[in-house]
């Protein structure tokens, strides 16, 4: 799912925005596993450099990711329990 979304981001917004989204995502993931604030600082620095239009593009990418993750979870639950949520 994530690799497909990455391809969509590259195609629709370009490599630059894919790299920004990936950098923020990886720093967030590293923070969650280590609880080291330097990773949050890295993500904040990357995001604070963006212009409003760029922030919108990155926000849309993360919104789509979470939307797809929620759909995937719902499909999994439905297939596991046999009930529709």
Protein backbone atom coordinates (compact mmCIF):
# COMPACT_ATOMS: atom_id res chain seq x y z
CA UNK A 1 0.00 0.00 0.00
CA UNK A 2 2.70 2.48 0.99
CA UNK A 3 4.78 1.84 -2.11
CA UNK A 4 1.74 2.35 -4.33
CA UNK A 5 0.94 5.60 -2.57
CA UNK A 6 4.57 6.63 -3.00
CA UNK A 7 4.28 6.09 -6.74
CA UNK A 8 1.11 8.21 -6.81
CA UNK A 9 2.84 11.01 -4.90
CA UNK A 10 5.79 10.92 -7.31
CA UNK A 11 3.52 10.97 -10.33
CA UNK A 12 1.09 13.62 -9.08
CA UNK A 13 3.35 15.93 -7.05
CA UNK A 14 6.88 15.00 -8.05
CA UNK A 15 9.99 13.49 -6.55
CA UNK A 16 10.59 16.56 -4.36
CA UNK A 17 7.37 16.06 -2.42
CA UNK A 18 7.80 12.33 -2.24
CA UNK A 19 11.21 12.92 -0.62
CA UNK A 20 9.72 15.37 1.90
CA UNK A 21 6.88 13.00 2.83
CA UNK A 22 9.29 10.09 3.11
CA UNK A 23 11.71 12.08 5.27
CA UNK A 24 8.96 13.17 7.66
CA UNK A 25 7.53 9.65 7.76
CA UNK A 26 10.89 8.03 8.51
CA UNK A 27 11.75 10.57 11.20
CA UNK A 28 8.36 9.99 12.82
CA UNK A 29 8.87 6.25 12.72
CA UNK A 30 12.35 6.59 14.26
CA UNK A 31 10.95 8.80 17.00
CA UNK A 32 8.25 6.25 17.88
CA UNK A 33 10.81 3.45 18.16
CA UNK A 34 13.48 5.42 20.04
CA UNK A 35 11.60 8.25 21.78
CA UNK A 36 14.55 10.44 20.75
CA UNK A 37 13.34 14.04 20.25
CA UNK A 38 15.97 14.72 17.58
CA UNK A 39 13.78 12.85 15.09
CA UNK A 40 10.80 15.09 15.83
CA UNK A 41 13.07 18.10 15.46
CA UNK A 42 14.24 16.83 12.08
CA UNK A 43 10.66 16.43 10.89
CA UNK A 44 9.71 19.85 12.23
CA UNK A 45 12.67 21.48 10.47
CA UNK A 46 11.67 19.85 7.18
CA UNK A 47 8.04 20.91 7.54
CA UNK A 48 8.82 24.45 8.71
CA UNK A 49 10.71 25.15 5.47
CA UNK A 50 7.59 24.59 3.38
CA UNK A 51 5.51 27.32 1.79
CA UNK A 52 1.73 27.15 2.36
CA UNK A 53 1.07 25.48 -1.02
CA UNK A 54 3.78 22.91 -0.32
CA UNK A 55 2.35 22.26 3.14
CA UNK A 56 -1.00 21.52 1.51
CA UNK A 57 0.57 18.96 -0.83
CA UNK A 58 2.36 17.18 2.01
CA UNK A 59 -0.75 17.28 4.20
CA UNK A 60 -2.83 15.75 1.42
CA UNK A 61 -0.29 12.94 1.04
CA UNK A 62 -0.46 12.08 4.74
CA UNK A 63 -4.24 12.41 4.75
CA UNK A 64 -4.47 9.93 1.90
CA UNK A 65 -2.09 7.56 3.67
CA UNK A 66 -4.20 7.56 6.84
CA UNK A 67 -7.39 7.19 4.82
CA UNK A 68 -5.97 4.13 3.07
CA UNK A 69 -4.70 2.70 6.35
CA UNK A 70 -8.17 3.04 7.89
CA UNK A 71 -9.80 1.37 4.89
CA UNK A 72 -7.29 -1.47 5.07
CA UNK A 73 -7.98 -1.95 8.76
CA UNK A 74 -11.72 -1.97 8.14
CA UNK A 75 -11.40 -4.56 5.36
CA UNK A 76 -9.20 -6.71 7.58
CA UNK A 77 -11.67 -6.54 10.46
CA UNK A 78 -14.56 -7.38 8.18
CA UNK A 79 -12.74 -10.38 6.73
CA UNK A 80 -11.60 -11.51 10.18
CA UNK A 81 -14.91 -11.12 12.01
CA UNK A 82 -17.31 -11.41 9.12
CA UNK A 83 -19.14 -8.25 10.16
CA UNK A 84 -19.34 -4.91 8.45
CA UNK A 85 -18.42 -1.91 10.57
